[in-house]
């Protein structure tokens, strides 16, 4: 097991001072991509499924990525592994115990422990495990959720690129 817990620290070599140089206009520009991305995911969900709450935690993921794209909690690896693990655990607990607080509590507990042990700590995933345990629907929702997680993971690179562009623009 990795004792460094990289998902709980800023990325090695991250220049976090870039963020401190942004003004309100820069912050709003940086917040635009996560907002548009989550609205796109919600539109996709609307077309393919009626299980809207299964995707609510991705809005929190997008906001965390906006807030600090250079933190280990917000890497694509951490996001994808924790969210998909949480959804799967929630779905399994719902199938074993039925939809309810027992399956939700067990799913959340297992998710938290595994995120720490596997060093993929991403707090919104706890909500994902609960959402899938309380109303998992069916396995096709897991596939759709995986697609939405993949789209959200692309936000990591997009936000880092946007920070770089905004920092370059503020230098001039």
N, C-alpha and C. Protein backbone atom coordinates (compact mmCIF):
# COMPACT_ATOMS: atom_id res chain seq x y z
N UNK A 1 0.84 -1.19 0.00
CA UNK A 1 0.00 0.00 0.00
C UNK A 1 0.89 1.25 0.00
N UNK A 2 0.50 2.23 -0.76
CA UNK A 2 1.24 3.48 -0.86
C UNK A 2 1.00 4.32 0.39
N UNK A 3 2.02 4.53 1.18
CA UNK A 3 1.88 5.29 2.43
C UNK A 3 1.96 6.80 2.19
N UNK A 4 2.26 7.23 0.99
CA UNK A 4 2.35 8.66 0.71
C UNK A 4 0.99 9.32 0.55
N UNK A 5 -0.03 8.53 0.26
CA UNK A 5 -1.39 9.04 0.06
C UNK A 5 -1.40 10.25 -0.87
N UNK A 6 -0.99 10.01 -2.10
CA UNK A 6 -0.89 11.09 -3.08
C UNK A 6 -2.24 11.72 -3.41
N UNK A 7 -3.34 10.99 -3.21
CA UNK A 7 -4.63 11.58 -3.51
C UNK A 7 -5.05 12.62 -2.47
N UNK A 8 -4.28 12.73 -1.40
CA UNK A 8 -4.59 13.70 -0.35
C UNK A 8 -3.66 14.91 -0.39
N UNK A 9 -2.81 15.01 -1.41
CA UNK A 9 -1.82 16.09 -1.49
C UNK A 9 -1.87 16.76 -2.85
N UNK A 10 -1.35 17.99 -2.92
CA UNK A 10 -1.20 18.62 -4.24
C UNK A 10 -0.25 17.78 -5.10
N UNK A 11 -0.41 17.83 -6.41
CA UNK A 11 0.45 17.09 -7.31
C UNK A 11 1.88 17.58 -7.20
N UNK A 12 2.81 16.66 -7.31
CA UNK A 12 4.22 17.02 -7.23
C UNK A 12 4.55 17.99 -8.37
N UNK A 13 5.21 19.08 -8.03
CA UNK A 13 5.60 20.07 -9.02
C UNK A 13 4.49 21.03 -9.42
N UNK A 14 3.32 20.92 -8.79
CA UNK A 14 2.19 21.78 -9.15
C UNK A 14 2.51 23.24 -8.78
N UNK A 15 2.25 24.11 -9.73
CA UNK A 15 2.43 25.54 -9.49
C UNK A 15 1.08 26.10 -9.08
N UNK A 16 0.79 26.04 -7.81
CA UNK A 16 -0.52 26.47 -7.32
C UNK A 16 -0.62 27.98 -7.21
N UNK A 17 0.49 28.69 -7.42
CA UNK A 17 0.44 30.16 -7.38
C UNK A 17 -0.28 30.71 -8.60
N UNK A 18 -0.41 29.89 -9.67
CA UNK A 18 -1.14 30.34 -10.85
C UNK A 18 -2.55 30.77 -10.46
N UNK A 19 -3.17 30.00 -9.58
CA UNK A 19 -4.53 30.26 -9.17
C UNK A 19 -4.65 31.57 -8.41
N UNK A 20 -3.66 31.90 -7.61
CA UNK A 20 -3.73 33.11 -6.79
C UNK A 20 -3.67 34.38 -7.63
N UNK A 21 -3.21 34.26 -8.86
CA UNK A 21 -3.11 35.44 -9.72
C UNK A 21 -4.39 35.74 -10.50
N UNK A 22 -5.39 34.88 -10.39
CA UNK A 22 -6.62 35.08 -11.16
C UNK A 22 -7.52 36.13 -10.51
N UNK A 23 -8.10 36.98 -11.35
CA UNK A 23 -9.08 37.93 -10.87
C UNK A 23 -10.48 37.32 -11.06
N UNK A 24 -11.52 38.09 -10.78
CA UNK A 24 -12.88 37.59 -10.89
C UNK A 24 -13.18 37.09 -12.31
N UNK A 25 -12.73 37.83 -13.31
CA UNK A 25 -12.95 37.44 -14.71
C UNK A 25 -12.27 36.09 -14.99
N UNK A 26 -11.05 35.90 -14.48
CA UNK A 26 -10.35 34.64 -14.66
C UNK A 26 -11.04 33.49 -13.96
N UNK A 27 -11.53 33.74 -12.73
CA UNK A 27 -12.25 32.70 -11.99
C UNK A 27 -13.53 32.30 -12.72
N UNK A 28 -14.25 33.28 -13.24
CA UNK A 28 -15.47 32.97 -13.99
C UNK A 28 -15.16 32.20 -15.26
N UNK A 29 -14.07 32.55 -15.92
CA UNK A 29 -13.66 31.82 -17.12
C UNK A 29 -13.31 30.38 -16.76
N UNK A 30 -12.64 30.19 -15.65
CA UNK A 30 -12.26 28.85 -15.22
C UNK A 30 -13.48 28.04 -14.80
N UNK A 31 -14.50 28.68 -14.25
CA UNK A 31 -15.71 27.99 -13.80
C UNK A 31 -16.65 27.64 -14.95
N UNK A 32 -16.44 28.25 -16.11
CA UNK A 32 -17.33 28.00 -17.24
C UNK A 32 -17.26 26.56 -17.74
N UNK A 33 -16.08 26.02 -17.88
CA UNK A 33 -15.94 24.66 -18.41
C UNK A 33 -16.63 23.61 -17.54
N UNK A 34 -16.45 23.61 -16.22
CA UNK A 34 -17.16 22.62 -15.41
C UNK A 34 -18.68 22.77 -15.50
N UNK A 35 -19.15 24.00 -15.55
CA UNK A 35 -20.58 24.23 -15.62
C UNK A 35 -21.15 23.70 -16.93
N UNK A 36 -20.52 24.04 -18.03
CA UNK A 36 -20.97 23.57 -19.33
C UNK A 36 -20.88 22.03 -19.42
N UNK A 37 -19.81 21.48 -18.89
CA UNK A 37 -19.63 20.04 -18.93
C UNK A 37 -20.73 19.32 -18.15
N UNK A 38 -21.03 19.76 -16.96
CA UNK A 38 -22.07 19.09 -16.15
C UNK A 38 -23.44 19.28 -16.78
N UNK A 39 -23.72 20.43 -17.36
CA UNK A 39 -24.99 20.62 -18.06
C UNK A 39 -25.09 19.68 -19.26
N UNK A 40 -23.97 19.44 -19.93
CA UNK A 40 -23.94 18.49 -21.05
C UNK A 40 -24.20 17.08 -20.56
N UNK A 41 -23.57 16.70 -19.45
CA UNK A 41 -23.80 15.37 -18.87
C UNK A 41 -25.28 15.22 -18.48
N UNK A 42 -25.86 16.25 -17.88
CA UNK A 42 -27.27 16.18 -17.50
C UNK A 42 -28.17 16.04 -18.72
N UNK A 43 -27.83 16.71 -19.80
CA UNK A 43 -28.61 16.57 -21.03
C UNK A 43 -28.49 15.14 -21.57
N UNK A 44 -27.31 14.58 -21.52
CA UNK A 44 -27.10 13.19 -21.94
C UNK A 44 -27.91 12.24 -21.08
N UNK A 45 -27.90 12.46 -19.78
CA UNK A 45 -28.68 11.62 -18.86
C UNK A 45 -30.17 11.74 -19.16
N UNK A 46 -30.63 12.94 -19.44
CA UNK A 46 -32.04 13.15 -19.74
C UNK A 46 -32.47 12.34 -20.96
N UNK A 47 -31.61 12.26 -21.95
CA UNK A 47 -31.92 11.52 -23.16
C UNK A 47 -31.91 10.01 -22.92
N UNK A 48 -30.97 9.54 -22.10
CA UNK A 48 -30.75 8.10 -21.96
C UNK A 48 -31.34 7.46 -20.70
N UNK A 49 -31.66 8.24 -19.69
CA UNK A 49 -32.11 7.66 -18.42
C UNK A 49 -32.92 8.67 -17.64
N UNK A 50 -33.68 8.20 -16.68
CA UNK A 50 -34.45 9.08 -15.81
C UNK A 50 -33.88 9.06 -14.39
N UNK A 51 -32.71 8.53 -14.21
CA UNK A 51 -32.09 8.42 -12.89
C UNK A 51 -31.17 9.60 -12.62
N UNK A 52 -31.73 10.77 -12.54
CA UNK A 52 -30.95 12.00 -12.41
C UNK A 52 -30.06 12.05 -11.17
N UNK A 53 -30.56 11.58 -10.05
CA UNK A 53 -29.79 11.69 -8.81
C UNK A 53 -28.53 10.83 -8.80
N UNK A 54 -28.48 9.82 -9.65
CA UNK A 54 -27.27 9.00 -9.72
C UNK A 54 -26.08 9.82 -10.18
N UNK A 55 -26.33 10.93 -10.83
CA UNK A 55 -25.27 11.73 -11.44
C UNK A 55 -24.97 13.01 -10.66
N UNK A 56 -25.68 13.24 -9.58
CA UNK A 56 -25.53 14.49 -8.82
C UNK A 56 -24.11 14.68 -8.28
N UNK A 57 -23.48 13.60 -7.86
CA UNK A 57 -22.15 13.74 -7.27
C UNK A 57 -21.12 14.22 -8.29
N UNK A 58 -21.40 14.03 -9.58
CA UNK A 58 -20.45 14.50 -10.60
C UNK A 58 -20.39 16.03 -10.64
N UNK A 59 -21.46 16.69 -10.23
CA UNK A 59 -21.42 18.16 -10.14
C UNK A 59 -20.42 18.58 -9.06
N UNK A 60 -20.41 17.85 -7.93
CA UNK A 60 -19.43 18.13 -6.88
C UNK A 60 -18.02 17.83 -7.37
N UNK A 61 -17.87 16.76 -8.12
CA UNK A 61 -16.55 16.42 -8.70
C UNK A 61 -16.07 17.55 -9.60
N UNK A 62 -16.95 18.04 -10.45
CA UNK A 62 -16.58 19.12 -11.37
C UNK A 62 -16.18 20.37 -10.60
N UNK A 63 -16.89 20.67 -9.53
CA UNK A 63 -16.54 21.86 -8.75
C UNK A 63 -15.19 21.70 -8.06
N UNK A 64 -14.92 20.51 -7.52
CA UNK A 64 -13.61 20.27 -6.90
C UNK A 64 -12.49 20.41 -7.92
N UNK A 65 -12.72 19.93 -9.13
CA UNK A 65 -11.70 20.04 -10.18
C UNK A 65 -11.48 21.51 -10.52
N UNK A 66 -12.55 22.28 -10.60
CA UNK A 66 -12.42 23.72 -10.83
C UNK A 66 -11.64 24.37 -9.69
N UNK A 67 -12.00 24.00 -8.44
CA UNK A 67 -11.41 24.62 -7.27
C UNK A 67 -9.91 24.39 -7.18
N UNK A 68 -9.46 23.17 -7.46
CA UNK A 68 -8.04 22.86 -7.35
C UNK A 68 -7.66 21.72 -8.30
N UNK A 69 -7.50 22.04 -9.58
CA UNK A 69 -7.19 20.98 -10.56
C UNK A 69 -5.81 20.37 -10.36
N UNK A 70 -4.99 20.96 -9.50
CA UNK A 70 -3.64 20.44 -9.29
C UNK A 70 -3.51 19.71 -7.95
N UNK A 71 -4.63 19.16 -7.48
CA UNK A 71 -4.62 18.40 -6.24
C UNK A 71 -4.86 16.92 -6.55
N UNK A 72 -4.22 16.05 -5.79
CA UNK A 72 -4.34 14.60 -6.00
C UNK A 72 -5.76 14.08 -5.93
N UNK A 73 -6.61 14.73 -5.15
CA UNK A 73 -8.01 14.33 -5.06
C UNK A 73 -8.72 14.48 -6.40
N UNK A 74 -8.20 15.36 -7.24
CA UNK A 74 -8.87 15.71 -8.48
C UNK A 74 -8.16 15.22 -9.74
N UNK A 75 -7.30 14.23 -9.61
CA UNK A 75 -6.68 13.68 -10.82
C UNK A 75 -7.69 12.79 -11.53
N UNK A 76 -7.49 12.59 -12.81
CA UNK A 76 -8.39 11.73 -13.58
C UNK A 76 -8.40 10.32 -12.99
N UNK A 77 -7.24 9.81 -12.60
CA UNK A 77 -7.15 8.47 -12.02
C UNK A 77 -8.00 8.36 -10.76
N UNK A 78 -7.83 9.31 -9.85
CA UNK A 78 -8.57 9.29 -8.59
C UNK A 78 -10.07 9.42 -8.85
N UNK A 79 -10.44 10.35 -9.71
CA UNK A 79 -11.85 10.56 -10.03
C UNK A 79 -12.49 9.31 -10.60
N UNK A 80 -11.89 8.74 -11.62
CA UNK A 80 -12.47 7.58 -12.30
C UNK A 80 -12.53 6.37 -11.37
N UNK A 81 -11.42 6.06 -10.73
CA UNK A 81 -11.40 4.87 -9.87
C UNK A 81 -12.37 4.99 -8.70
N UNK A 82 -12.37 6.13 -8.02
CA UNK A 82 -13.24 6.27 -6.86
C UNK A 82 -14.72 6.30 -7.25
N UNK A 83 -15.05 7.03 -8.28
CA UNK A 83 -16.46 7.13 -8.70
C UNK A 83 -17.00 5.79 -9.22
N UNK A 84 -16.22 5.11 -10.04
CA UNK A 84 -16.70 3.83 -10.58
C UNK A 84 -16.75 2.76 -9.49
N UNK A 85 -15.77 2.77 -8.61
CA UNK A 85 -15.78 1.84 -7.48
C UNK A 85 -17.01 2.09 -6.61
N UNK A 86 -17.29 3.33 -6.31
CA UNK A 86 -18.43 3.68 -5.46
C UNK A 86 -19.76 3.28 -6.10
N UNK A 87 -19.90 3.53 -7.40
CA UNK A 87 -21.13 3.16 -8.10
C UNK A 87 -21.32 1.65 -8.09
N UNK A 88 -20.25 0.93 -8.33
CA UNK A 88 -20.32 -0.54 -8.35
C UNK A 88 -20.68 -1.08 -6.96
N UNK A 89 -20.03 -0.55 -5.94
CA UNK A 89 -20.31 -0.99 -4.57
C UNK A 89 -21.77 -0.69 -4.21
N UNK A 90 -22.24 0.50 -4.55
CA UNK A 90 -23.63 0.85 -4.28
C UNK A 90 -24.60 -0.08 -4.98
N UNK A 91 -24.32 -0.38 -6.24
CA UNK A 91 -25.17 -1.28 -7.01
C UNK A 91 -25.18 -2.69 -6.40
N UNK A 92 -24.02 -3.17 -6.00
CA UNK A 92 -23.92 -4.50 -5.38
C UNK A 92 -24.68 -4.53 -4.05
N UNK A 93 -24.51 -3.51 -3.23
CA UNK A 93 -25.19 -3.47 -1.94
C UNK A 93 -26.71 -3.41 -2.12
N UNK A 94 -27.15 -2.67 -3.13
CA UNK A 94 -28.59 -2.60 -3.41
C UNK A 94 -29.11 -3.96 -3.85
N UNK A 95 -28.33 -4.67 -4.64
CA UNK A 95 -28.79 -5.98 -5.09
C UNK A 95 -28.79 -7.01 -3.96
N UNK A 96 -27.92 -6.85 -2.98
CA UNK A 96 -27.87 -7.78 -1.84
C UNK A 96 -28.92 -7.43 -0.79
N UNK A 97 -29.00 -6.16 -0.40
CA UNK A 97 -29.84 -5.74 0.72
C UNK A 97 -31.11 -5.00 0.31
N UNK A 98 -31.26 -4.71 -0.98
CA UNK A 98 -32.38 -3.91 -1.44
C UNK A 98 -32.09 -2.44 -1.26
N UNK A 99 -32.91 -1.62 -1.85
CA UNK A 99 -32.73 -0.17 -1.76
C UNK A 99 -33.12 0.30 -0.36
N UNK A 100 -32.19 0.97 0.31
CA UNK A 100 -32.51 1.47 1.64
C UNK A 100 -31.27 1.89 2.41
N UNK A 101 -31.51 2.25 3.67
CA UNK A 101 -30.44 2.80 4.50
C UNK A 101 -29.36 1.77 4.84
N UNK A 102 -29.74 0.53 4.96
CA UNK A 102 -28.73 -0.50 5.27
C UNK A 102 -27.75 -0.62 4.11
N UNK A 103 -28.28 -0.76 2.90
CA UNK A 103 -27.38 -0.86 1.74
C UNK A 103 -26.59 0.43 1.56
N UNK A 104 -27.23 1.58 1.81
CA UNK A 104 -26.54 2.86 1.68
C UNK A 104 -25.41 3.02 2.69
N UNK A 105 -25.68 2.67 3.94
CA UNK A 105 -24.66 2.78 4.98
C UNK A 105 -23.48 1.86 4.74
N UNK A 106 -23.77 0.64 4.34
CA UNK A 106 -22.70 -0.32 4.06
C UNK A 106 -21.89 0.13 2.84
N UNK A 107 -22.59 0.58 1.80
CA UNK A 107 -21.90 1.04 0.58
C UNK A 107 -20.99 2.23 0.87
N UNK A 108 -21.48 3.18 1.65
CA UNK A 108 -20.67 4.34 2.00
C UNK A 108 -19.44 3.92 2.81
N UNK A 109 -19.63 3.06 3.79
CA UNK A 109 -18.52 2.62 4.64
C UNK A 109 -17.46 1.89 3.83
N UNK A 110 -17.87 0.97 2.98
CA UNK A 110 -16.91 0.23 2.15
C UNK A 110 -16.19 1.17 1.20
N UNK A 111 -16.92 2.10 0.62
CA UNK A 111 -16.32 3.06 -0.31
C UNK A 111 -15.26 3.90 0.38
N UNK A 112 -15.56 4.41 1.55
CA UNK A 112 -14.60 5.25 2.29
C UNK A 112 -13.34 4.46 2.60
N UNK A 113 -13.50 3.25 3.11
CA UNK A 113 -12.34 2.42 3.46
C UNK A 113 -11.50 2.13 2.22
N UNK A 114 -12.15 1.72 1.14
CA UNK A 114 -11.39 1.38 -0.09
C UNK A 114 -10.73 2.61 -0.71
N UNK A 115 -11.37 3.76 -0.64
CA UNK A 115 -10.73 4.97 -1.18
C UNK A 115 -9.44 5.27 -0.42
N UNK A 116 -9.46 5.10 0.88
CA UNK A 116 -8.26 5.35 1.68
C UNK A 116 -7.20 4.29 1.42
N UNK A 117 -7.59 3.03 1.45
CA UNK A 117 -6.64 1.94 1.26
C UNK A 117 -6.01 1.97 -0.13
N UNK A 118 -6.82 2.28 -1.15
CA UNK A 118 -6.33 2.31 -2.53
C UNK A 118 -5.75 3.67 -2.93
N UNK A 119 -5.78 4.64 -2.02
CA UNK A 119 -5.27 5.99 -2.27
C UNK A 119 -5.94 6.64 -3.47
N UNK A 120 -7.27 6.58 -3.46
CA UNK A 120 -8.07 7.25 -4.48
C UNK A 120 -9.19 8.03 -3.79
N UNK A 121 -8.80 8.93 -2.89
CA UNK A 121 -9.78 9.68 -2.10
C UNK A 121 -10.37 10.81 -2.93
N UNK A 122 -11.65 10.70 -3.20
CA UNK A 122 -12.41 11.72 -3.93
C UNK A 122 -13.77 11.81 -3.24
N UNK A 123 -13.96 12.77 -2.33
CA UNK A 123 -15.16 12.82 -1.48
C UNK A 123 -16.52 12.68 -2.18
N UNK A 124 -16.74 13.25 -3.38
CA UNK A 124 -18.05 13.06 -4.00
C UNK A 124 -18.42 11.60 -4.27
N UNK A 125 -17.43 10.72 -4.31
CA UNK A 125 -17.72 9.31 -4.56
C UNK A 125 -18.54 8.69 -3.43
N UNK A 126 -18.45 9.24 -2.23
CA UNK A 126 -19.26 8.74 -1.12
C UNK A 126 -20.75 8.94 -1.46
N UNK A 127 -21.08 10.08 -2.04
CA UNK A 127 -22.46 10.33 -2.47
C UNK A 127 -22.88 9.37 -3.58
N UNK A 128 -21.95 9.06 -4.45
CA UNK A 128 -22.25 8.12 -5.53
C UNK A 128 -22.63 6.75 -4.97
N UNK A 129 -21.87 6.26 -4.00
CA UNK A 129 -22.19 4.95 -3.43
C UNK A 129 -23.58 4.97 -2.79
N UNK A 130 -23.90 6.05 -2.12
CA UNK A 130 -25.21 6.17 -1.50
C UNK A 130 -26.32 6.24 -2.55
N UNK A 131 -26.11 7.02 -3.60
CA UNK A 131 -27.12 7.15 -4.66
C UNK A 131 -27.42 5.81 -5.32
N UNK A 132 -26.38 5.05 -5.63
CA UNK A 132 -26.59 3.76 -6.27
C UNK A 132 -27.19 2.74 -5.31
N UNK A 133 -26.86 2.84 -4.03
CA UNK A 133 -27.42 1.90 -3.05
C UNK A 133 -28.89 2.19 -2.77
N UNK A 134 -29.26 3.46 -2.77
CA UNK A 134 -30.65 3.82 -2.48
C UNK A 134 -31.58 3.62 -3.67
N UNK A 135 -31.08 3.82 -4.85
CA UNK A 135 -31.91 3.65 -6.04
C UNK A 135 -31.02 3.32 -7.22
N UNK A 136 -30.55 2.10 -7.25
CA UNK A 136 -29.58 1.70 -8.26
C UNK A 136 -30.17 1.58 -9.65
N UNK A 137 -31.45 1.31 -9.76
CA UNK A 137 -32.02 1.11 -11.09
C UNK A 137 -31.53 -0.20 -11.66
N UNK A 138 -30.69 -0.15 -12.67
CA UNK A 138 -30.18 -1.38 -13.27
C UNK A 138 -28.74 -1.18 -13.73
N UNK A 139 -28.15 -2.23 -14.25
CA UNK A 139 -26.75 -2.19 -14.65
C UNK A 139 -26.48 -1.20 -15.78
N UNK A 140 -27.47 -0.93 -16.62
CA UNK A 140 -27.25 0.02 -17.71
C UNK A 140 -26.96 1.41 -17.15
N UNK A 141 -27.49 1.72 -15.96
CA UNK A 141 -27.17 3.00 -15.34
C UNK A 141 -25.70 3.08 -14.97
N UNK A 142 -25.09 1.95 -14.62
CA UNK A 142 -23.67 1.92 -14.30
C UNK A 142 -22.84 2.24 -15.54
N UNK A 143 -23.25 1.73 -16.68
CA UNK A 143 -22.54 2.01 -17.94
C UNK A 143 -22.69 3.50 -18.29
N UNK A 144 -23.88 4.01 -18.16
CA UNK A 144 -24.12 5.43 -18.45
C UNK A 144 -23.34 6.31 -17.47
N UNK A 145 -23.31 5.90 -16.20
CA UNK A 145 -22.54 6.65 -15.21
C UNK A 145 -21.06 6.62 -15.57
N UNK A 146 -20.56 5.47 -16.02
CA UNK A 146 -19.16 5.36 -16.45
C UNK A 146 -18.85 6.33 -17.58
N UNK A 147 -19.75 6.45 -18.52
CA UNK A 147 -19.58 7.41 -19.62
C UNK A 147 -19.53 8.83 -19.07
N UNK A 148 -20.42 9.16 -18.15
CA UNK A 148 -20.44 10.49 -17.55
C UNK A 148 -19.17 10.77 -16.75
N UNK A 149 -18.66 9.75 -16.04
CA UNK A 149 -17.41 9.91 -15.30
C UNK A 149 -16.26 10.18 -16.26
N UNK A 150 -16.22 9.45 -17.37
CA UNK A 150 -15.18 9.68 -18.38
C UNK A 150 -15.21 11.10 -18.92
N UNK A 151 -16.40 11.59 -19.18
CA UNK A 151 -16.53 12.97 -19.66
C UNK A 151 -16.04 13.94 -18.59
N UNK A 152 -16.42 13.69 -17.34
CA UNK A 152 -16.00 14.56 -16.24
C UNK A 152 -14.49 14.51 -16.04
N UNK A 153 -13.89 13.33 -16.22
CA UNK A 153 -12.44 13.19 -16.07
C UNK A 153 -11.69 14.05 -17.09
N UNK A 154 -12.28 14.24 -18.26
CA UNK A 154 -11.63 15.10 -19.26
C UNK A 154 -11.51 16.53 -18.76
N UNK A 155 -12.35 16.87 -17.80
CA UNK A 155 -12.32 18.21 -17.22
C UNK A 155 -11.01 18.49 -16.50
N UNK A 156 -10.37 17.46 -15.97
CA UNK A 156 -9.10 17.64 -15.26
C UNK A 156 -8.08 18.31 -16.19
N UNK A 157 -7.88 17.73 -17.34
CA UNK A 157 -6.94 18.29 -18.31
C UNK A 157 -7.37 19.66 -18.81
N UNK A 158 -8.66 19.79 -19.05
CA UNK A 158 -9.20 21.06 -19.54
C UNK A 158 -8.97 22.18 -18.53
N UNK A 159 -9.20 21.91 -17.25
CA UNK A 159 -9.00 22.93 -16.22
C UNK A 159 -7.52 23.28 -16.05
N UNK A 160 -6.65 22.28 -16.11
CA UNK A 160 -5.21 22.56 -16.00
C UNK A 160 -4.75 23.41 -17.18
N UNK A 161 -5.25 23.10 -18.36
CA UNK A 161 -4.91 23.88 -19.55
C UNK A 161 -5.44 25.30 -19.42
N UNK A 162 -6.68 25.43 -18.94
CA UNK A 162 -7.27 26.76 -18.77
C UNK A 162 -6.50 27.60 -17.76
N UNK A 163 -6.06 26.98 -16.68
CA UNK A 163 -5.24 27.69 -15.69
C UNK A 163 -3.95 28.19 -16.33
N UNK A 164 -3.33 27.35 -17.12
CA UNK A 164 -2.08 27.72 -17.79
C UNK A 164 -2.32 28.90 -18.73
N UNK A 165 -3.38 28.82 -19.53
CA UNK A 165 -3.71 29.90 -20.47
C UNK A 165 -3.98 31.21 -19.71
N UNK A 166 -4.78 31.12 -18.65
CA UNK A 166 -5.11 32.32 -17.88
C UNK A 166 -3.89 32.92 -17.21
N UNK A 167 -3.01 32.07 -16.73
CA UNK A 167 -1.77 32.57 -16.11
C UNK A 167 -0.88 33.26 -17.14
N UNK A 168 -0.78 32.68 -18.34
CA UNK A 168 0.01 33.30 -19.42
C UNK A 168 -0.60 34.64 -19.81
N UNK A 169 -1.92 34.67 -19.88
CA UNK A 169 -2.61 35.91 -20.25
C UNK A 169 -2.39 37.00 -19.19
N UNK A 170 -2.38 36.63 -17.93
CA UNK A 170 -2.19 37.60 -16.85
C UNK A 170 -0.75 38.10 -16.75
N UNK A 171 0.21 37.38 -17.35
CA UNK A 171 1.60 37.80 -17.32
C UNK A 171 1.84 38.98 -18.24
N UNK A 172 1.02 39.11 -19.25
CA UNK A 172 1.24 40.17 -20.25
C UNK A 172 0.57 41.44 -19.89
